[in-house]
Amino acid sequence: METHPLSLPEIVLIIGKHIPLWVSREQRYDVVVWLFKPKDLVAALSVNKLFYTVLTPLLWNTCAYPYDRSQKYLSSSYRGTLCRFYNVAADVFTKHSIHIRYLDLSRYDPHELHHLSQLRLACSRLRELRLSHGVDATNAGRLILANPGLQLIRWKRYIKFLDQPEDLRVIFPLRQLRYLGLKGWSINAVYLHHILHNNANTLEEVELGEWSIVRRTPLMNDQWNGLNPSTLSSLTNEEQAEAIELIQGQPLWLPKVKTLHLLVKWSDTCKSAVCNLVRSFPALETLRIGFVNNELGMRLGKNLKEICPNLRSILNTMPAFDSGSVPSPGYDGISYIVGACSPGNLTHLELNRWEFDAKLADALVKHHGGLEILDVSLSDYHHIVQSFENMGKVLERCTRLREFSMYNDSRLCKEQHASILLNGLKACKTLEWLTLVGFPFAGPDESGEESEDEEEGDLETELGVPGNVTLTPPPPRLFELLPGWSQGENKNRGDLVVPKDSLKIMVFEAVGQLPVMKTVDLNNQRFEKTPFAIV
């Protein structure tokens, strides 16, 4: 008697994986959310006992806590299917928690949902774990101890408790981490050293998120390679034994880490230690960093240049704790970080700046042969002309750009400022995507000021005879799409004003005929070239 295919667990599992559990929906600002649609998969569970047994783990593979009670969708943060556990009974959740592989408690609040102690989670095969400040060290420790195979842990603490050091020792048992993320922590450097050392052969990404502080400790020297013997005499026997056990003089070396998020709150007591930490990542390719002054920039740049020859992507952002104070001109040290990359090695740069100074422009020009993606956000009100001129010089030299984005937050910007950028982009024959967002483009016709040429008075006529003549300005040009282009809505920027026709004319006269140009985003409008029109 032949076996029916639907009686084989392998066949049932393949069928189950093809049943849509969620549907993607694109939101503004490039956010993709997933509508949870378990109806079809739940119906398949009722076919028979085999279907129920095989397909139930798919339904519970990933559990994420929604942002609020009214939210009907979940953020796409990770792989696998998504299962909301709001409105799920505690006993049901406990029963099926053994199937969970990806558990997201980053929005967990014990006052709004079942308390973890009531759930009695039976998770033992977790691969990824995200925790919020609402998860206490006891429950976090239980989850971590029960899941030694964890590959990702991301734990966010509450900012207002930053001055209260937290105990990282609950993470000590893990040995297979590929991603370590700590946000809002007051970090004991000895404990961080031990965690990194335990996972040195597997870690690929390390995140020290915003507001985290790496506290300097006398137990360990600033080079992250051993204890400071002169301080051991002041410790108790128990403290000495723990320190010697955690750090036995081995240099910290993580050969697989390619991405580092260094959005820490810099303090005078941790500068040397954190600057030297980057020397532990020889394979580093991507660095995400906040504001650094000249001193920190020089230190970090020196270490990056010596140890990280493969650095090719720098993402410079402004965490909330940095955005409140504007540095003096020339005080920003990001140019030293950019200069740490080997000439031509930098391919991707994102900048969130108050200004784009000449020092940064000079550092970028050295990478004209490799820079492909440049994303700049400016909020400068006092040096807008200099910033645009410096950026224009970079664009004129970096002719291999594929994507250029400019987000402007200055109401003083006018069309002539945009023309500086567009003139530089004319030489970028490889440009595929252009984004200009946030430009008010206040032209002379909107300024409310009369031009000197429009004042009443004696004007020269064409015959050279003075007379009282009123000149009628020519009608404004109307924008017309070039052949092969179509216009749509920029869903990511639907709340912005429609760009003026004069701007659209300027943009398309500059880049509309570039051979591989595909997309132009101007505030809330998107223009796309049809595939057959792309050379």
Protein backbone atom coordinates (compact mmCIF):
# COMPACT_ATOMS: atom_id res chain seq x y z
CA MET A 1 0.00 0.00 0.00
CA GLU A 2 1.44 3.32 -1.03
CA THR A 3 1.85 6.09 1.52
CA HIS A 4 -0.27 9.14 0.87
CA PRO A 5 1.89 12.27 0.50
CA LEU A 6 -0.24 14.19 3.02
CA SER A 7 0.59 11.63 5.68
CA LEU A 8 4.28 12.58 5.54
CA PRO A 9 5.32 15.29 8.05
CA GLU A 10 7.88 16.68 5.58
CA ILE A 11 5.19 17.31 2.95
CA VAL A 12 2.81 18.86 5.48
CA LEU A 13 5.57 21.19 6.67
CA ILE A 14 6.29 22.36 3.12
CA ILE A 15 2.58 23.07 2.62
CA GLY A 16 2.44 24.98 5.91
CA LYS A 17 5.37 27.20 4.98
CA HIS A 18 3.49 28.28 1.85
CA ILE A 19 0.39 29.39 3.79
CA PRO A 20 0.62 33.18 4.23
CA LEU A 21 0.59 34.10 7.89
CA TRP A 22 1.13 37.83 7.44
CA VAL A 23 0.89 40.42 4.67
CA SER A 24 3.40 43.21 4.24
CA ARG A 25 2.35 46.84 3.98
CA GLU A 26 4.65 49.74 3.23
CA GLN A 27 4.32 52.77 5.50
CA ARG A 28 5.98 56.17 5.38
CA TYR A 29 9.71 56.61 5.85
CA ASP A 30 10.57 53.19 4.42
CA VAL A 31 8.88 51.34 7.30
CA VAL A 32 7.39 47.96 6.42
CA VAL A 33 4.75 46.54 8.74
CA TRP A 34 3.15 43.14 8.68
CA LEU A 35 -0.57 42.58 9.09
CA PHE A 36 -1.08 39.41 11.11
CA LYS A 37 -3.36 37.05 9.15
CA PRO A 38 -3.40 33.64 10.90
CA LYS A 39 -6.85 32.59 9.70
CA ASP A 40 -5.67 30.24 6.94
CA LEU A 41 -2.92 28.63 8.99
CA VAL A 42 -5.26 28.15 11.97
CA ALA A 43 -7.77 26.48 9.64
CA ALA A 44 -5.04 24.11 8.43
CA LEU A 45 -4.37 23.05 12.03
CA SER A 46 -7.85 21.52 12.18
CA VAL A 47 -7.31 19.15 9.23
CA ASN A 48 -6.05 16.33 11.42
CA LYS A 49 -3.67 15.58 14.26
CA LEU A 50 -0.61 15.44 11.97
CA PHE A 51 -1.35 18.90 10.56
CA TYR A 52 -1.85 20.26 14.07
CA THR A 53 1.39 18.78 15.36
CA VAL A 54 3.53 19.85 12.40
CA LEU A 55 2.10 23.34 11.78
CA THR A 56 1.63 24.63 15.34
CA PRO A 57 5.35 25.53 15.67
CA LEU A 58 5.01 27.75 12.57
CA LEU A 59 2.28 29.76 14.26
CA TRP A 60 4.38 30.34 17.38
CA ASN A 61 7.79 30.62 15.73
CA THR A 62 8.07 34.33 16.54
CA CYS A 63 6.26 36.26 19.25
CA ALA A 64 6.42 40.02 19.48
CA TYR A 65 4.74 42.45 21.82
CA PRO A 66 2.86 45.14 19.82
CA TYR A 67 3.56 48.80 20.37
CA ASP A 68 0.19 49.50 21.98
CA ARG A 69 -3.20 47.92 22.50
CA SER A 70 -4.74 49.50 19.42
CA GLN A 71 -1.96 48.47 17.07
CA LYS A 72 -3.01 45.82 14.58
CA TYR A 73 0.33 45.27 12.97
CA LEU A 74 3.88 44.40 13.94
CA SER A 75 7.18 45.85 12.84
CA SER A 76 9.28 43.76 10.48
CA SER A 77 12.40 43.49 12.61
CA TYR A 78 13.47 39.93 12.07
CA ARG A 79 12.96 36.72 10.18
CA GLY A 80 10.19 34.20 10.61
CA THR A 81 6.46 34.42 11.18
CA LEU A 82 4.92 36.82 13.66
CA CYS A 83 2.49 35.91 16.42
CA ARG A 84 0.92 38.61 18.54
CA PHE A 85 0.51 37.56 22.13
CA TYR A 86 -1.78 40.37 23.22
CA ASN A 87 -5.16 38.85 24.14
CA VAL A 88 -3.56 35.38 24.45
CA ALA A 89 -4.41 33.58 27.68
CA ALA A 90 -1.45 32.98 30.00
CA ASP A 91 -1.94 29.19 30.07
CA VAL A 92 -2.09 29.01 26.25
CA PHE A 93 1.02 31.11 25.92
CA THR A 94 2.85 28.95 28.46
CA LYS A 95 1.82 25.75 26.66
CA HIS A 96 3.10 26.85 23.26
CA SER A 97 6.14 28.88 24.36
CA ILE A 98 8.33 25.85 23.71
CA HIS A 99 7.90 26.51 19.97
CA ILE A 100 9.14 30.11 20.11
CA ARG A 101 12.44 30.79 18.36
CA TYR A 102 12.33 34.60 18.19
CA LEU A 103 10.99 36.36 21.28
CA ASP A 104 10.59 40.14 21.23
CA LEU A 105 9.90 41.72 24.62
CA SER A 106 11.39 45.08 23.65
CA ARG A 107 7.99 46.72 24.26
CA TYR A 108 7.04 44.56 27.21
CA ASP A 109 5.34 46.36 30.09
CA PRO A 110 4.32 44.19 33.07
CA HIS A 111 1.51 46.63 33.90
CA GLU A 112 -0.24 46.11 30.58
CA LEU A 113 0.27 42.40 29.96
CA HIS A 114 0.79 39.13 31.75
CA HIS A 115 3.70 39.26 34.14
CA LEU A 116 6.56 37.01 33.09
CA SER A 117 6.42 35.13 36.38
CA GLN A 118 2.80 34.19 35.58
CA LEU A 119 3.58 33.06 32.06
CA ARG A 120 6.15 30.47 33.18
CA LEU A 121 7.85 30.51 29.80
CA ALA A 122 9.13 27.14 28.62
CA CYS A 123 11.33 28.56 25.87
CA SER A 124 14.45 26.44 25.50
CA ARG A 125 15.37 26.82 21.82
CA LEU A 126 15.41 30.59 21.39
CA ARG A 127 17.67 32.04 18.70
CA GLU A 128 16.89 35.74 19.22
CA LEU A 129 15.83 37.57 22.37
CA ARG A 130 14.92 41.26 22.67
CA LEU A 131 14.31 42.69 26.14
CA SER A 132 12.99 45.98 27.51
CA HIS A 133 13.54 47.78 30.79
CA GLY A 134 10.36 46.05 32.01
CA VAL A 135 12.14 42.68 32.08
CA ASP A 136 13.99 42.40 35.39
CA ALA A 137 17.36 40.70 35.74
CA THR A 138 15.83 37.64 37.41
CA ASN A 139 13.44 36.78 34.58
CA ALA A 140 16.04 37.73 31.97
CA GLY A 141 18.54 35.43 33.67
CA ARG A 142 16.10 32.53 33.59
CA LEU A 143 15.46 32.98 29.87
CA ILE A 144 19.17 33.24 29.11
CA LEU A 145 20.13 30.22 31.22
CA ALA A 146 17.42 28.13 29.53
CA ASN A 147 18.64 29.12 26.06
CA PRO A 148 22.41 28.71 25.81
CA GLY A 149 22.14 28.64 22.01
CA LEU A 150 21.03 32.29 21.77
CA GLN A 151 22.56 34.03 18.76
CA LEU A 152 21.10 37.51 19.31
CA ILE A 153 20.38 39.46 22.46
CA ARG A 154 19.28 43.10 22.48
CA TRP A 155 18.51 44.62 25.86
CA LYS A 156 17.32 48.16 26.41
CA ARG A 157 17.38 49.69 29.87
CA TYR A 158 15.46 52.71 31.09
CA ILE A 159 17.38 55.96 30.57
CA LYS A 160 16.44 57.58 33.87
CA PHE A 161 18.18 54.77 35.76
CA LEU A 162 21.42 55.24 33.85
CA ASP A 163 23.43 56.16 36.95
CA GLN A 164 22.52 52.84 38.57
CA PRO A 165 24.99 50.21 37.31
CA GLU A 166 23.28 47.06 36.06
CA ASP A 167 24.66 43.58 36.43
CA LEU A 168 25.66 42.13 33.06
CA ARG A 169 26.67 38.82 34.59
CA VAL A 170 23.37 37.23 33.54
CA ILE A 171 24.79 37.20 29.98
CA PHE A 172 27.98 35.37 30.99
CA PRO A 173 26.69 31.83 30.13
CA LEU A 174 26.22 32.64 26.43
CA ARG A 175 28.90 31.40 24.03
CA GLN A 176 27.27 31.56 20.57
CA LEU A 177 26.19 35.19 20.25
CA ARG A 178 26.35 36.74 16.79
CA TYR A 179 24.74 40.03 17.86
CA LEU A 180 25.10 41.82 21.20
CA GLY A 181 23.05 44.98 21.74
CA LEU A 182 23.07 47.04 24.95
CA LYS A 183 21.09 50.30 25.01
CA GLY A 184 20.77 52.62 27.97
CA TRP A 185 23.19 50.64 30.13
CA SER A 186 25.77 51.70 32.65
CA ILE A 187 28.34 49.14 31.59
CA ASN A 188 31.02 47.65 33.77
CA ALA A 189 34.02 47.39 31.43
CA VAL A 190 35.27 44.19 33.08
CA TYR A 191 31.93 42.48 32.51
CA LEU A 192 31.75 43.72 28.91
CA HIS A 193 35.27 42.40 28.29
CA HIS A 194 34.26 38.98 29.59
CA ILE A 195 31.08 38.80 27.48
CA LEU A 196 32.94 39.82 24.32
CA HIS A 197 35.75 37.36 25.06
CA ASN A 198 33.26 34.51 25.62
CA ASN A 199 31.75 35.10 22.17
CA ALA A 200 34.89 36.21 20.34
CA ASN A 201 34.64 33.45 17.72
CA THR A 202 30.98 34.07 16.81
CA LEU A 203 30.16 37.77 17.30
CA GLU A 204 29.49 39.66 14.05
CA GLU A 205 27.77 42.82 15.33
CA VAL A 206 28.12 44.80 18.58
CA GLU A 207 25.80 47.64 19.58
CA LEU A 208 26.49 49.99 22.48
CA GLY A 209 23.34 52.03 22.02
CA GLU A 210 22.37 55.57 22.89
CA TRP A 211 22.86 56.73 26.43
CA SER A 212 25.00 53.73 27.30
CA ILE A 213 28.03 54.56 29.40
CA VAL A 214 31.12 52.36 29.55
CA ARG A 215 32.32 52.99 33.06
CA ARG A 216 36.05 53.10 33.62
CA THR A 217 37.18 50.56 36.18
CA PRO A 218 40.59 50.43 37.85
CA LEU A 219 40.57 46.65 37.48
CA MET A 220 41.30 46.75 33.76
CA ASN A 221 43.74 48.81 31.76
CA ASP A 222 42.59 50.99 28.91
CA GLN A 223 44.04 48.65 26.30
CA TRP A 224 41.44 45.92 27.01
CA ASN A 225 44.12 43.26 27.31
CA GLY A 226 44.54 42.61 31.01
CA LEU A 227 44.26 43.71 34.60
CA ASN A 228 45.85 46.73 36.19
CA PRO A 229 47.95 45.01 38.92
CA SER A 230 48.39 48.17 40.95
CA THR A 231 44.70 48.19 41.83
CA LEU A 232 44.35 44.61 43.03
CA SER A 233 45.71 45.41 46.49
CA SER A 234 42.65 47.55 47.23
CA LEU A 235 40.23 44.69 46.49
CA THR A 236 38.91 42.00 48.78
CA ASN A 237 40.04 38.43 48.16
CA GLU A 238 36.68 37.61 46.57
CA GLU A 239 36.86 40.61 44.22
CA GLN A 240 40.43 39.75 43.25
CA ALA A 241 39.44 36.16 42.46
CA GLU A 242 36.53 37.30 40.27
CA ALA A 243 38.63 39.84 38.37
CA ILE A 244 41.42 37.35 37.71
CA GLU A 245 38.88 34.77 36.55
CA LEU A 246 37.16 37.16 34.15
CA ILE A 247 40.28 38.73 32.68
CA GLN A 248 43.35 36.54 32.56
CA GLY A 249 45.60 38.81 30.56
CA GLN A 250 44.34 37.79 27.13
CA PRO A 251 44.05 40.57 24.55
CA LEU A 252 40.49 41.16 23.37
CA TRP A 253 40.33 40.14 19.70
CA LEU A 254 37.06 39.63 17.79
CA PRO A 255 37.96 38.67 14.20
CA LYS A 256 34.38 38.32 12.87
CA VAL A 257 32.79 41.59 14.03
CA LYS A 258 31.96 43.62 10.94
CA THR A 259 29.47 46.14 12.39
CA LEU A 260 29.92 48.33 15.47
CA HIS A 261 27.36 50.77 16.89
CA LEU A 262 29.18 53.25 19.10
CA LEU A 263 26.40 55.62 20.23
CA VAL A 264 27.66 55.97 23.78
CA LYS A 265 27.50 58.95 26.08
CA TRP A 266 31.13 59.99 26.22
CA SER A 267 32.54 60.82 29.64
CA ASP A 268 36.02 61.91 30.67
CA THR A 269 36.54 58.66 32.58
CA CYS A 270 35.83 56.31 29.65
CA LYS A 271 37.26 58.08 26.60
CA SER A 272 40.53 56.15 26.44
CA ALA A 273 38.91 52.79 27.14
CA VAL A 274 36.20 53.18 24.49
CA CYS A 275 38.58 54.62 21.89
CA ASN A 276 40.87 51.62 22.36
CA LEU A 277 37.96 49.17 22.22
CA VAL A 278 37.82 49.58 18.41
CA ARG A 279 41.28 48.00 18.25
CA SER A 280 39.58 44.69 19.05
CA PHE A 281 37.71 44.58 15.72
CA PRO A 282 40.19 44.04 12.86
CA ALA A 283 37.49 43.01 10.33
CA LEU A 284 35.27 46.05 10.98
CA GLU A 285 33.42 47.23 7.85
CA THR A 286 30.57 49.39 9.19
CA LEU A 287 30.76 51.95 12.01
CA ARG A 288 27.69 53.71 13.37
CA ILE A 289 28.74 56.62 15.58
CA GLY A 290 27.26 59.78 17.09
CA PHE A 291 28.87 63.15 17.67
CA VAL A 292 32.60 63.16 18.44
CA ASN A 293 34.72 66.23 19.05
CA ASN A 294 38.15 66.79 17.55
CA GLU A 295 39.98 65.02 20.37
CA LEU A 296 37.83 61.90 20.22
CA GLY A 297 37.83 61.96 16.43
CA MET A 298 41.62 62.00 16.32
CA ARG A 299 41.89 59.11 18.81
CA LEU A 300 39.29 56.95 17.11
CA GLY A 301 40.58 57.79 13.65
CA LYS A 302 44.12 56.77 14.57
CA ASN A 303 43.01 53.40 15.96
CA LEU A 304 40.65 52.72 13.07
CA LYS A 305 43.33 53.52 10.52
CA GLU A 306 45.84 51.16 12.16
CA ILE A 307 43.54 48.22 12.89
CA CYS A 308 40.53 48.36 10.52
CA PRO A 309 41.70 48.38 6.88
CA ASN A 310 38.31 47.14 5.62
CA LEU A 311 36.22 50.01 7.00
CA ARG A 312 33.97 51.08 4.13
CA SER A 313 30.69 52.33 5.65
CA ILE A 314 30.23 55.14 8.20
CA LEU A 315 26.80 56.04 9.57
CA ASN A 316 26.99 59.27 11.55
CA THR A 317 23.82 59.97 13.55
CA MET A 318 22.88 62.34 16.35
CA PRO A 319 21.39 60.55 19.37
CA ALA A 320 18.86 62.47 21.44
CA PHE A 321 21.40 63.35 24.11
CA ASP A 322 23.68 65.00 21.51
CA SER A 323 21.06 66.96 19.59
CA GLY A 324 20.48 69.55 22.27
CA SER A 325 23.86 71.25 21.97
CA VAL A 326 25.34 72.61 18.76
CA PRO A 327 29.15 72.40 18.54
CA SER A 328 31.22 75.38 17.56
CA PRO A 329 32.36 75.50 13.90
CA GLY A 330 35.39 73.29 13.36
CA TYR A 331 34.82 71.42 16.63
CA ASP A 332 33.29 68.35 15.00
CA GLY A 333 35.71 65.43 14.66
CA ILE A 334 33.83 63.29 12.12
CA SER A 335 36.35 64.25 9.42
CA TYR A 336 39.01 62.24 11.28
CA ILE A 337 36.74 59.17 11.22
CA VAL A 338 36.18 59.58 7.48
CA GLY A 339 39.92 60.03 6.99
CA ALA A 340 40.58 56.73 8.77
CA CYS A 341 39.34 54.79 5.74
CA SER A 342 41.92 53.91 3.14
CA PRO A 343 41.67 56.30 0.15
CA GLY A 344 38.92 55.10 -2.15
CA ASN A 345 37.76 52.46 0.34
CA LEU A 346 34.76 54.38 1.69
CA THR A 347 31.63 53.43 -0.29
CA HIS A 348 28.73 54.44 1.99
CA LEU A 349 28.44 57.55 4.15
CA GLU A 350 25.46 58.86 6.10
CA LEU A 351 25.80 62.23 7.82
CA ASN A 352 23.43 63.94 10.22
CA ARG A 353 25.14 67.29 10.67
CA TRP A 354 24.63 70.84 11.75
CA GLU A 355 27.05 71.92 9.03
CA PHE A 356 29.15 70.49 6.22
CA ASP A 357 32.52 72.14 6.76
CA ALA A 358 35.54 72.34 4.47
CA LYS A 359 37.53 69.90 6.59
CA LEU A 360 34.90 67.21 6.08
CA ALA A 361 34.73 67.99 2.35
CA ASP A 362 38.51 67.57 2.00
CA ALA A 363 38.35 64.21 3.80
CA LEU A 364 35.56 63.00 1.50
CA VAL A 365 37.23 64.05 -1.74
CA LYS A 366 39.98 61.52 -1.02
CA HIS A 367 37.36 58.81 -1.53
CA HIS A 368 36.12 60.09 -4.90
CA GLY A 369 37.07 56.82 -6.56
CA GLY A 370 34.91 54.63 -4.30
CA LEU A 371 32.03 56.60 -2.76
CA GLU A 372 28.72 55.24 -4.07
CA ILE A 373 26.08 56.24 -1.50
CA LEU A 374 25.99 59.67 0.17
CA ASP A 375 23.13 60.54 2.53
CA VAL A 376 23.29 64.00 4.15
CA SER A 377 20.91 65.63 6.61
CA LEU A 378 21.59 69.29 7.47
CA SER A 379 19.99 71.51 10.11
CA ASP A 380 22.37 74.47 9.82
CA TYR A 381 20.92 77.96 9.85
CA HIS A 382 24.08 80.03 10.08
CA HIS A 383 26.49 78.52 7.53
CA ILE A 384 24.07 77.25 4.89
CA VAL A 385 25.88 78.78 1.90
CA GLN A 386 29.27 77.40 3.00
CA SER A 387 27.75 73.96 3.68
CA PHE A 388 26.17 73.75 0.22
CA GLU A 389 29.32 74.99 -1.50
CA ASN A 390 31.44 72.42 0.32
CA MET A 391 29.00 69.67 -0.58
CA GLY A 392 28.98 70.81 -4.21
CA LYS A 393 32.77 70.42 -4.35
CA VAL A 394 32.44 66.85 -3.10
CA LEU A 395 29.78 66.01 -5.70
CA GLU A 396 31.91 67.41 -8.52
CA ARG A 397 34.74 65.03 -7.60
CA CYS A 398 32.81 61.93 -6.53
CA THR A 399 31.63 60.90 -9.98
CA ARG A 400 30.85 57.27 -9.08
CA LEU A 401 27.86 58.05 -6.87
CA ARG A 402 24.85 55.79 -7.34
CA GLU A 403 22.61 57.34 -4.68
CA PHE A 404 22.54 60.84 -3.27
CA SER A 405 20.07 62.03 -0.63
CA MET A 406 19.83 65.49 0.87
CA TYR A 407 17.52 66.26 3.78
CA ASN A 408 17.44 69.96 4.56
CA ASP A 409 16.04 71.49 7.74
CA SER A 410 16.81 75.14 7.04
CA ARG A 411 14.04 77.50 5.94
CA LEU A 412 16.68 79.83 4.60
CA CYS A 413 17.41 77.49 1.70
CA LYS A 414 16.64 78.89 -1.75
CA GLU A 415 16.76 77.54 -5.25
CA GLN A 416 20.22 78.87 -5.90
CA HIS A 417 21.48 76.70 -3.03
CA ALA A 418 19.96 73.62 -4.66
CA SER A 419 21.56 74.58 -7.96
CA ILE A 420 24.99 74.23 -6.31
CA LEU A 421 24.23 70.57 -5.63
CA LEU A 422 22.70 69.95 -9.03
CA ASN A 423 25.68 71.41 -10.87
CA GLY A 424 27.90 68.97 -9.03
CA LEU A 425 25.67 66.01 -9.87
CA LYS A 426 25.83 66.61 -13.63
CA ALA A 427 29.14 64.76 -13.76
CA CYS A 428 27.80 61.68 -11.92
CA LYS A 429 27.09 59.44 -14.90
CA THR A 430 26.44 56.49 -12.56
CA LEU A 431 23.72 58.23 -10.49
CA GLU A 432 20.57 56.12 -10.17
CA TRP A 433 18.64 57.68 -7.29
CA LEU A 434 18.31 61.32 -6.19
CA THR A 435 16.40 62.51 -3.12
CA LEU A 436 15.88 66.15 -2.13
CA VAL A 437 13.62 66.55 0.89
CA GLY A 438 12.65 69.46 3.11
CA PHE A 439 13.57 72.33 0.81
CA PRO A 440 11.17 75.30 1.21
CA PHE A 441 12.65 76.90 -1.93
CA ALA A 442 11.63 80.43 -1.08
CA GLY A 443 12.24 82.23 -4.36
CA PRO A 444 12.42 85.99 -4.90
CA ASP A 445 8.74 86.01 -5.83
CA GLU A 446 7.85 84.81 -2.32
CA SER A 447 10.23 86.92 -0.30
CA GLY A 448 8.00 90.00 -0.19
CA GLU A 449 10.96 92.24 -1.01
CA GLU A 450 11.08 94.38 -4.10
CA SER A 451 14.02 93.93 -6.39
CA GLU A 452 16.10 96.95 -7.23
CA ASP A 453 15.30 96.39 -10.88
CA GLU A 454 11.58 96.59 -10.16
CA GLU A 455 11.68 99.94 -8.38
CA GLU A 456 9.81 102.75 -10.03
CA GLY A 457 12.10 105.20 -11.74
CA ASP A 458 13.78 106.08 -14.96
CA LEU A 459 14.59 102.93 -16.91
CA GLU A 460 16.38 102.62 -20.20
CA THR A 461 14.27 101.48 -23.06
CA GLU A 462 15.61 99.37 -25.91
CA LEU A 463 16.43 102.62 -27.77
CA GLY A 464 18.46 103.91 -24.88
CA VAL A 465 15.96 106.70 -24.09
CA PRO A 466 15.14 107.04 -20.40
CA GLY A 467 11.51 106.87 -19.57
CA ASN A 468 9.02 105.78 -16.98
CA VAL A 469 8.48 102.21 -18.15
CA THR A 470 6.93 99.29 -16.24
CA LEU A 471 8.32 95.92 -17.31
CA THR A 472 6.06 92.89 -17.06
CA PRO A 473 7.92 89.82 -15.79
CA PRO A 474 7.72 86.82 -18.08
CA PRO A 475 5.24 84.11 -17.03
CA PRO A 476 6.80 81.28 -14.99
CA ARG A 477 7.78 78.14 -16.84
CA LEU A 478 5.56 75.15 -16.32
CA PHE A 479 7.14 71.80 -15.60
CA GLU A 480 6.70 69.08 -18.18
CA LEU A 481 7.82 65.49 -17.68
CA LEU A 482 10.61 64.31 -19.90
CA PRO A 483 9.82 61.43 -22.26
CA GLY A 484 10.12 58.08 -20.53
CA TRP A 485 9.36 59.45 -17.02
CA SER A 486 6.25 58.96 -14.89
CA GLN A 487 5.08 60.77 -11.76
CA GLY A 488 3.70 59.20 -8.59
CA GLU A 489 3.49 59.77 -4.86
CA ASN A 490 6.44 59.54 -2.51
CA LYS A 491 4.70 57.57 0.23
CA ASN A 492 7.56 58.14 2.63
CA ARG A 493 7.12 61.92 2.48
CA GLY A 494 3.39 62.35 1.93
CA ASP A 495 3.16 65.03 4.62
CA LEU A 496 5.50 67.51 2.86
CA VAL A 497 4.63 70.33 0.49
CA VAL A 498 4.55 69.89 -3.26
CA PRO A 499 7.83 71.09 -4.83
CA LYS A 500 7.70 74.16 -7.04
CA ASP A 501 7.79 73.75 -10.81
CA SER A 502 10.96 75.82 -10.95
CA LEU A 503 12.72 73.27 -8.74
CA LYS A 504 11.52 70.32 -10.82
CA ILE A 505 12.72 72.05 -13.98
CA MET A 506 16.16 72.64 -12.42
CA VAL A 507 16.45 69.03 -11.25
CA PHE A 508 15.50 67.41 -14.54
CA GLU A 509 17.66 69.77 -16.58
CA ALA A 510 20.59 68.63 -14.43
CA VAL A 511 20.02 64.89 -14.00
CA GLY A 512 17.03 63.90 -16.13
CA GLN A 513 19.21 62.77 -19.02
CA LEU A 514 21.81 60.87 -16.99
CA PRO A 515 22.11 57.41 -18.55
CA VAL A 516 21.19 55.18 -15.58
CA MET A 517 19.00 57.56 -13.53
CA LYS A 518 15.94 55.66 -12.29
CA THR A 519 14.24 57.57 -9.45
CA VAL A 520 13.94 61.18 -8.32
CA ASP A 521 12.24 62.02 -5.01
CA LEU A 522 11.34 65.68 -4.42
CA ASN A 523 9.53 66.19 -1.11
CA ASN A 524 6.22 64.32 -1.51
CA GLN A 525 6.56 63.51 -5.22
CA ARG A 526 8.35 60.63 -6.87
CA PHE A 527 9.42 60.48 -10.50
CA GLU A 528 10.46 57.18 -12.03
CA LYS A 529 11.91 56.34 -15.40
CA THR A 530 10.19 53.50 -17.16
CA PRO A 531 12.42 50.43 -17.57
CA PHE A 532 12.53 50.59 -21.36
CA ALA A 533 13.80 54.18 -21.16
CA ILE A 534 16.84 53.28 -19.06
CA VAL A 535 19.94 52.93 -21.19
